[in-house]
Every structure is written in C-alpha cells, then in structure tokens.
Amino acid sequence: MGGLMTMDDLVSHKSVITEPICVKYRDHSVFEVPPPTQGLAALQGLSILESLDVSVDEPLSISALHKQIEAMRLAFADAEKFICDPSFRQIPIQQLLSRQYCLERSQLFSSTKAMTGPSAGKPMPSSDTVQFCAVDSE
C-alpha cells in the first residue's frame, strides 16, 4: 500500500497497558490516559473549574468561557513543567489533581480580565534544603 510500516514493525510492537487517571466533575467520573499525554491537563482544568461556581453562568456566556479558558491556561502551564515521560521522571499526578491544589490555582485569576502569562504552580511542598560538601586532600 506504499506505507512505511512493515509486518515486522507490527509483529515487534509491544502495547503498554496503563491505569487511567480520573477526577470527579459535577458527579461524573472523567477518565483520561496518564502522562505522557495531555490528559492530565484536561483533568486538572476540570478540577480547577470544579473549584469555581460555574453553575451561575450560561454555558456559552463570556463569564463561562473566561473561566474555562483561564482554568486550561493554568493546567497547561503545569503540564508544560510537569508532564514528561514517566519512565524518566516521577510526575506528581495526585498532587496536581488534588482538590486543595486546584482550589489554590483557581484563585489566581480574575473573573473580569485575563491573566498575564500564567506560570506553573508548586503542587508539592518544598523544604528548600540544600546540602554542600567540602572535600580537601586530607
């Protein structure tokens, strides 16, 4: 058929079966494929929206769209920093999706104007401990 794949490519392929990640949004369980996909950003955006009172907005109103856009901007700022190949680095999935963290993120934007350049948050507490070692010839 003129493609670049061969039967050997198909025979040697190994599928990876992963556990989905999930959040509750308005009494629904929403599942996504875990990183390295962008599913984490989608779920975090929903979790941020869950922290807001979106029920007062008409579905396609300026206010509803503004909240959705800002929630996804925050989620993608975190995604840019934290989503990678989990074979090489641990991703704080549970912390990024936690209610407390998403509530904190939801409080970063105004209901009347767009954020300027949202940056990634800190889903895990940091002790900022530094260790220095000095070694001499003795």
N, C-alpha and C. Protein backbone atom coordinates (compact mmCIF):
# COMPACT_ATOMS: atom_id res chain seq x y z
N MET A 1 0.82 -1.20 0.00
CA MET A 1 0.00 0.00 0.00
C MET A 1 0.86 1.26 0.00
N GLY A 2 2.16 1.11 -0.02
CA GLY A 2 3.03 2.27 -0.12
C GLY A 2 3.39 2.94 1.18
N GLY A 3 3.00 2.37 2.33
CA GLY A 3 3.32 2.97 3.62
C GLY A 3 4.73 2.63 4.07
N LEU A 4 5.14 3.20 5.17
CA LEU A 4 6.48 2.95 5.69
C LEU A 4 6.52 1.82 6.71
N MET A 5 5.36 1.40 7.21
CA MET A 5 5.31 0.30 8.18
C MET A 5 5.46 -1.04 7.47
N THR A 6 6.11 -1.94 8.18
CA THR A 6 6.24 -3.30 7.65
C THR A 6 5.54 -4.26 8.59
N MET A 7 5.37 -5.48 8.16
CA MET A 7 4.79 -6.50 9.03
C MET A 7 5.68 -6.71 10.25
N ASP A 8 7.00 -6.61 10.09
CA ASP A 8 7.93 -6.74 11.23
C ASP A 8 7.66 -5.65 12.27
N ASP A 9 7.34 -4.45 11.82
CA ASP A 9 7.00 -3.36 12.76
C ASP A 9 5.80 -3.75 13.61
N LEU A 10 4.79 -4.31 12.97
CA LEU A 10 3.58 -4.70 13.68
C LEU A 10 3.83 -5.89 14.61
N VAL A 11 4.63 -6.83 14.18
CA VAL A 11 4.93 -8.01 14.98
C VAL A 11 5.75 -7.63 16.21
N SER A 12 6.68 -6.69 16.06
CA SER A 12 7.57 -6.34 17.17
C SER A 12 6.96 -5.30 18.12
N HIS A 13 5.80 -4.76 17.76
CA HIS A 13 5.16 -3.74 18.61
C HIS A 13 4.73 -4.34 19.95
N LYS A 14 4.98 -3.62 21.03
CA LYS A 14 4.54 -4.01 22.36
C LYS A 14 3.64 -2.91 22.91
N SER A 15 2.39 -3.22 23.11
CA SER A 15 1.46 -2.24 23.68
C SER A 15 1.69 -2.11 25.17
N VAL A 16 1.53 -0.91 25.67
CA VAL A 16 1.66 -0.65 27.10
C VAL A 16 0.26 -0.42 27.65
N ILE A 17 -0.11 -1.20 28.63
CA ILE A 17 -1.43 -1.04 29.25
C ILE A 17 -1.22 -0.26 30.54
N THR A 18 -1.89 0.90 30.63
CA THR A 18 -1.73 1.77 31.79
C THR A 18 -3.06 1.93 32.50
N GLU A 19 -2.99 2.28 33.77
CA GLU A 19 -4.19 2.59 34.54
C GLU A 19 -4.61 4.01 34.20
N PRO A 20 -5.89 4.24 33.94
CA PRO A 20 -6.32 5.61 33.66
C PRO A 20 -6.26 6.48 34.91
N ILE A 21 -6.19 7.78 34.69
CA ILE A 21 -6.30 8.73 35.80
C ILE A 21 -7.71 9.30 35.75
N CYS A 22 -8.21 9.76 36.89
CA CYS A 22 -9.63 10.12 36.97
C CYS A 22 -9.86 11.26 37.95
N VAL A 23 -10.82 12.11 37.64
CA VAL A 23 -11.32 13.11 38.59
C VAL A 23 -12.85 13.06 38.56
N LYS A 24 -13.43 13.59 39.62
CA LYS A 24 -14.88 13.78 39.66
C LYS A 24 -15.16 15.20 39.20
N TYR A 25 -16.11 15.33 38.29
CA TYR A 25 -16.55 16.65 37.85
C TYR A 25 -18.06 16.63 37.77
N ARG A 26 -18.70 17.43 38.61
CA ARG A 26 -20.16 17.51 38.64
C ARG A 26 -20.81 16.12 38.71
N ASP A 27 -20.40 15.33 39.65
CA ASP A 27 -20.95 13.99 39.88
C ASP A 27 -20.66 12.99 38.76
N HIS A 28 -19.72 13.31 37.90
CA HIS A 28 -19.31 12.38 36.85
C HIS A 28 -17.86 12.00 37.08
N SER A 29 -17.52 10.75 36.80
CA SER A 29 -16.12 10.33 36.80
C SER A 29 -15.59 10.53 35.40
N VAL A 30 -14.52 11.32 35.28
CA VAL A 30 -13.92 11.59 33.97
C VAL A 30 -12.54 10.94 33.95
N PHE A 31 -12.32 10.06 32.99
CA PHE A 31 -11.08 9.30 32.88
C PHE A 31 -10.24 9.81 31.72
N GLU A 32 -8.95 9.74 31.88
CA GLU A 32 -8.01 10.10 30.83
C GLU A 32 -6.84 9.13 30.85
N VAL A 33 -6.10 9.12 29.76
CA VAL A 33 -4.87 8.35 29.68
C VAL A 33 -3.80 9.12 30.46
N PRO A 34 -2.99 8.45 31.27
CA PRO A 34 -1.98 9.16 32.06
C PRO A 34 -0.84 9.69 31.20
N PRO A 35 0.02 10.53 31.79
CA PRO A 35 1.18 11.05 31.05
C PRO A 35 2.00 9.89 30.46
N PRO A 36 2.59 10.19 29.31
CA PRO A 36 2.97 11.50 28.79
C PRO A 36 1.94 12.19 27.92
N THR A 37 0.67 11.83 27.99
CA THR A 37 -0.36 12.52 27.20
C THR A 37 -0.80 13.80 27.90
N GLN A 38 -1.60 14.59 27.21
CA GLN A 38 -2.14 15.83 27.78
C GLN A 38 -3.40 15.59 28.60
N GLY A 39 -3.77 14.33 28.81
CA GLY A 39 -4.96 14.01 29.60
C GLY A 39 -4.91 14.60 30.99
N LEU A 40 -3.72 14.67 31.58
CA LEU A 40 -3.57 15.26 32.90
C LEU A 40 -4.00 16.72 32.89
N ALA A 41 -3.64 17.46 31.84
CA ALA A 41 -4.04 18.87 31.74
C ALA A 41 -5.55 19.00 31.64
N ALA A 42 -6.18 18.12 30.87
CA ALA A 42 -7.64 18.17 30.73
C ALA A 42 -8.31 17.93 32.08
N LEU A 43 -7.84 16.94 32.82
CA LEU A 43 -8.43 16.64 34.14
C LEU A 43 -8.16 17.74 35.14
N GLN A 44 -6.97 18.32 35.09
CA GLN A 44 -6.68 19.42 36.02
C GLN A 44 -7.55 20.63 35.69
N GLY A 45 -7.75 20.91 34.41
CA GLY A 45 -8.64 22.01 34.03
C GLY A 45 -10.04 21.81 34.59
N LEU A 46 -10.55 20.58 34.50
CA LEU A 46 -11.87 20.29 35.07
C LEU A 46 -11.86 20.44 36.59
N SER A 47 -10.78 20.01 37.22
CA SER A 47 -10.69 20.12 38.69
C SER A 47 -10.63 21.58 39.13
N ILE A 48 -9.96 22.41 38.35
CA ILE A 48 -9.93 23.84 38.66
C ILE A 48 -11.33 24.43 38.50
N LEU A 49 -12.02 24.04 37.43
CA LEU A 49 -13.39 24.52 37.22
C LEU A 49 -14.32 24.04 38.32
N GLU A 50 -14.10 22.84 38.83
CA GLU A 50 -14.92 22.30 39.91
C GLU A 50 -14.81 23.18 41.16
N SER A 51 -13.68 23.89 41.30
CA SER A 51 -13.47 24.78 42.44
C SER A 51 -14.24 26.09 42.31
N LEU A 52 -14.73 26.37 41.12
CA LEU A 52 -15.42 27.63 40.86
C LEU A 52 -16.93 27.41 40.79
N ASP A 53 -17.68 28.46 40.96
CA ASP A 53 -19.13 28.36 40.84
C ASP A 53 -19.50 28.66 39.39
N VAL A 54 -19.45 27.63 38.55
CA VAL A 54 -19.78 27.82 37.15
C VAL A 54 -21.28 27.64 36.89
N SER A 55 -22.02 27.20 37.88
CA SER A 55 -23.46 26.97 37.69
C SER A 55 -24.22 28.28 37.48
N VAL A 56 -23.62 29.39 37.89
CA VAL A 56 -24.30 30.69 37.73
C VAL A 56 -24.17 31.23 36.30
N ASP A 57 -23.32 30.60 35.49
CA ASP A 57 -23.06 31.09 34.13
C ASP A 57 -23.87 30.32 33.10
N GLU A 58 -24.34 31.03 32.10
CA GLU A 58 -24.92 30.36 30.93
C GLU A 58 -23.78 29.61 30.24
N PRO A 59 -24.06 28.46 29.64
CA PRO A 59 -22.99 27.63 29.07
C PRO A 59 -22.02 28.33 28.13
N LEU A 60 -22.50 29.18 27.24
CA LEU A 60 -21.60 29.84 26.30
C LEU A 60 -21.44 31.33 26.59
N SER A 61 -21.68 31.72 27.83
CA SER A 61 -21.54 33.13 28.18
C SER A 61 -20.06 33.51 28.25
N ILE A 62 -19.82 34.80 28.20
CA ILE A 62 -18.44 35.29 28.31
C ILE A 62 -17.83 34.84 29.62
N SER A 63 -18.58 34.90 30.69
CA SER A 63 -18.07 34.50 32.01
C SER A 63 -17.70 33.01 32.04
N ALA A 64 -18.55 32.16 31.50
CA ALA A 64 -18.27 30.72 31.49
C ALA A 64 -17.04 30.41 30.64
N LEU A 65 -16.98 31.00 29.46
CA LEU A 65 -15.83 30.77 28.58
C LEU A 65 -14.54 31.30 29.20
N HIS A 66 -14.62 32.46 29.84
CA HIS A 66 -13.45 33.04 30.50
C HIS A 66 -12.92 32.08 31.57
N LYS A 67 -13.80 31.54 32.39
CA LYS A 67 -13.37 30.60 33.44
C LYS A 67 -12.75 29.34 32.83
N GLN A 68 -13.35 28.83 31.76
CA GLN A 68 -12.82 27.62 31.13
C GLN A 68 -11.44 27.88 30.53
N ILE A 69 -11.29 29.01 29.87
CA ILE A 69 -10.01 29.34 29.24
C ILE A 69 -8.93 29.54 30.30
N GLU A 70 -9.23 30.28 31.34
CA GLU A 70 -8.22 30.54 32.38
C GLU A 70 -7.86 29.24 33.12
N ALA A 71 -8.83 28.38 33.36
CA ALA A 71 -8.55 27.09 34.02
C ALA A 71 -7.61 26.27 33.15
N MET A 72 -7.84 26.25 31.85
CA MET A 72 -6.97 25.47 30.97
C MET A 72 -5.61 26.13 30.80
N ARG A 73 -5.53 27.44 30.85
CA ARG A 73 -4.22 28.10 30.79
C ARG A 73 -3.38 27.71 31.99
N LEU A 74 -4.00 27.65 33.17
CA LEU A 74 -3.28 27.22 34.37
C LEU A 74 -2.87 25.75 34.25
N ALA A 75 -3.78 24.92 33.78
CA ALA A 75 -3.49 23.50 33.64
C ALA A 75 -2.35 23.27 32.64
N PHE A 76 -2.35 23.99 31.53
CA PHE A 76 -1.28 23.81 30.55
C PHE A 76 0.04 24.39 31.04
N ALA A 77 0.01 25.41 31.90
CA ALA A 77 1.26 25.91 32.50
C ALA A 77 1.88 24.81 33.36
N ASP A 78 1.05 24.11 34.14
CA ASP A 78 1.56 22.98 34.93
C ASP A 78 1.99 21.84 34.02
N ALA A 79 1.22 21.57 32.98
CA ALA A 79 1.55 20.47 32.07
C ALA A 79 2.91 20.69 31.43
N GLU A 80 3.17 21.94 31.03
CA GLU A 80 4.46 22.25 30.40
C GLU A 80 5.63 21.94 31.33
N LYS A 81 5.43 22.16 32.61
CA LYS A 81 6.51 21.92 33.57
C LYS A 81 6.59 20.47 34.02
N PHE A 82 5.46 19.81 34.21
CA PHE A 82 5.46 18.51 34.88
C PHE A 82 5.23 17.29 33.99
N ILE A 83 4.57 17.44 32.84
CA ILE A 83 4.30 16.26 32.02
C ILE A 83 5.54 15.90 31.21
N CYS A 84 5.95 14.66 31.37
CA CYS A 84 7.10 14.14 30.67
C CYS A 84 6.91 12.63 30.56
N ASP A 85 7.93 11.96 30.10
CA ASP A 85 7.87 10.50 30.04
C ASP A 85 8.08 9.98 31.45
N PRO A 86 7.07 9.33 32.04
CA PRO A 86 7.19 8.87 33.42
C PRO A 86 8.24 7.77 33.61
N SER A 87 8.80 7.27 32.52
CA SER A 87 9.90 6.30 32.63
C SER A 87 11.17 6.98 33.12
N PHE A 88 11.23 8.30 32.96
CA PHE A 88 12.45 9.03 33.29
C PHE A 88 12.31 9.97 34.48
N ARG A 89 11.09 10.34 34.82
CA ARG A 89 10.90 11.26 35.95
C ARG A 89 9.52 11.03 36.54
N GLN A 90 9.44 11.11 37.86
CA GLN A 90 8.17 10.94 38.54
C GLN A 90 7.32 12.20 38.34
N ILE A 91 6.04 12.01 38.06
CA ILE A 91 5.11 13.11 37.84
C ILE A 91 4.15 13.15 39.02
N PRO A 92 3.98 14.32 39.67
CA PRO A 92 3.11 14.40 40.85
C PRO A 92 1.62 14.45 40.47
N ILE A 93 1.13 13.38 39.88
CA ILE A 93 -0.24 13.36 39.35
C ILE A 93 -1.28 13.64 40.45
N GLN A 94 -1.19 12.91 41.55
CA GLN A 94 -2.20 13.07 42.62
C GLN A 94 -2.18 14.49 43.19
N GLN A 95 -1.00 15.06 43.33
CA GLN A 95 -0.90 16.43 43.86
C GLN A 95 -1.47 17.44 42.87
N LEU A 96 -1.17 17.26 41.58
CA LEU A 96 -1.69 18.19 40.57
C LEU A 96 -3.21 18.13 40.46
N LEU A 97 -3.79 16.99 40.77
CA LEU A 97 -5.25 16.84 40.66
C LEU A 97 -5.97 17.01 42.00
N SER A 98 -5.23 17.25 43.07
CA SER A 98 -5.86 17.35 44.39
C SER A 98 -6.80 18.56 44.46
N ARG A 99 -7.86 18.41 45.22
CA ARG A 99 -8.84 19.49 45.37
C ARG A 99 -8.19 20.76 45.92
N GLN A 100 -7.32 20.60 46.92
CA GLN A 100 -6.68 21.76 47.55
C GLN A 100 -5.81 22.52 46.56
N TYR A 101 -5.00 21.78 45.79
CA TYR A 101 -4.12 22.43 44.83
C TYR A 101 -4.93 23.12 43.74
N CYS A 102 -5.97 22.47 43.22
CA CYS A 102 -6.78 23.07 42.17
C CYS A 102 -7.57 24.27 42.69
N LEU A 103 -7.98 24.24 43.94
CA LEU A 103 -8.63 25.40 44.54
C LEU A 103 -7.65 26.57 44.61
N GLU A 104 -6.42 26.30 45.02
CA GLU A 104 -5.39 27.36 45.07
C GLU A 104 -5.15 27.94 43.68
N ARG A 105 -5.09 27.07 42.67
CA ARG A 105 -4.86 27.54 41.30
C ARG A 105 -6.05 28.38 40.82
N SER A 106 -7.27 27.99 41.20
CA SER A 106 -8.45 28.71 40.72
C SER A 106 -8.51 30.13 41.27
N GLN A 107 -7.85 30.38 42.38
CA GLN A 107 -7.87 31.70 42.99
C GLN A 107 -6.85 32.66 42.37
N LEU A 108 -6.11 32.18 41.37
CA LEU A 108 -5.08 33.00 40.74
C LEU A 108 -5.62 33.91 39.64
N PHE A 109 -6.84 33.67 39.18
CA PHE A 109 -7.30 34.52 38.08
C PHE A 109 -8.51 35.35 38.46
N SER A 110 -8.64 36.44 37.74
CA SER A 110 -9.72 37.40 37.95
C SER A 110 -10.95 36.97 37.15
N SER A 111 -12.10 37.32 37.63
CA SER A 111 -13.32 36.99 36.88
C SER A 111 -13.58 38.01 35.78
N THR A 112 -12.78 39.08 35.72
CA THR A 112 -13.04 40.13 34.75
C THR A 112 -11.94 40.36 33.72
N LYS A 113 -10.75 39.80 33.94
CA LYS A 113 -9.68 40.03 32.95
C LYS A 113 -8.77 38.81 32.87
N ALA A 114 -8.08 38.69 31.75
CA ALA A 114 -7.20 37.55 31.51
C ALA A 114 -5.91 37.68 32.32
N MET A 115 -5.40 36.54 32.72
CA MET A 115 -4.11 36.52 33.41
C MET A 115 -3.01 36.86 32.41
N THR A 116 -1.94 37.41 32.90
CA THR A 116 -0.77 37.61 32.06
C THR A 116 0.20 36.48 32.35
N GLY A 117 0.47 35.70 31.35
CA GLY A 117 1.44 34.61 31.44
C GLY A 117 1.37 33.74 32.67
N PRO A 118 0.36 32.90 32.80
CA PRO A 118 0.33 32.03 33.99
C PRO A 118 1.55 31.13 34.03
N SER A 119 2.05 30.91 35.22
CA SER A 119 3.21 30.03 35.36
C SER A 119 2.81 28.78 36.13
N ALA A 120 3.67 27.80 36.08
CA ALA A 120 3.41 26.53 36.77
C ALA A 120 3.37 26.76 38.27
N GLY A 121 2.56 25.99 38.94
CA GLY A 121 2.47 26.07 40.39
C GLY A 121 3.45 25.12 41.06
N LYS A 122 3.28 24.98 42.35
CA LYS A 122 4.11 24.07 43.15
C LYS A 122 3.16 23.09 43.85
N PRO A 123 2.87 21.96 43.20
CA PRO A 123 1.90 21.03 43.78
C PRO A 123 2.41 20.29 45.00
N MET A 124 3.71 20.32 45.22
CA MET A 124 4.27 19.61 46.37
C MET A 124 5.03 20.61 47.24
N PRO A 125 4.90 20.49 48.55
CA PRO A 125 5.68 21.38 49.41
C PRO A 125 7.16 21.13 49.24
N SER A 126 7.91 22.18 49.37
CA SER A 126 9.36 22.08 49.22
C SER A 126 10.02 22.61 50.48
N SER A 127 11.02 21.89 50.93
CA SER A 127 11.72 22.33 52.14
C SER A 127 12.88 23.24 51.81
N ASP A 128 13.24 23.32 50.54
CA ASP A 128 14.36 24.14 50.09
C ASP A 128 15.65 23.82 50.83
N THR A 129 15.83 22.57 51.17
CA THR A 129 17.06 22.14 51.84
C THR A 129 18.18 22.02 50.82
N VAL A 130 19.33 22.53 51.17
CA VAL A 130 20.50 22.46 50.30
C VAL A 130 21.62 21.80 51.09
N GLN A 131 22.36 20.93 50.44
CA GLN A 131 23.49 20.29 51.10
C GLN A 131 24.75 20.65 50.34
N PHE A 132 25.77 21.08 51.07
CA PHE A 132 27.06 21.38 50.49
C PHE A 132 28.09 20.42 51.09
N CYS A 133 28.99 19.96 50.28
CA CYS A 133 30.08 19.10 50.76
C CYS A 133 31.41 19.77 50.37
N ALA A 134 32.29 19.85 51.32
CA ALA A 134 33.62 20.37 51.04
C ALA A 134 34.62 19.26 51.31
N VAL A 135 35.49 19.01 50.36
CA VAL A 135 36.46 17.92 50.49
C VAL A 135 37.84 18.50 50.20
N ASP A 136 38.78 18.16 51.09
CA ASP A 136 40.15 18.59 50.82
C ASP A 136 41.04 17.34 50.69
N SER A 137 42.32 17.53 50.51
CA SER A 137 43.22 16.42 50.25
C SER A 137 43.51 15.58 51.50
N GLU A 138 43.18 16.03 52.66
CA GLU A 138 43.46 15.26 53.88
C GLU A 138 42.29 14.40 54.21
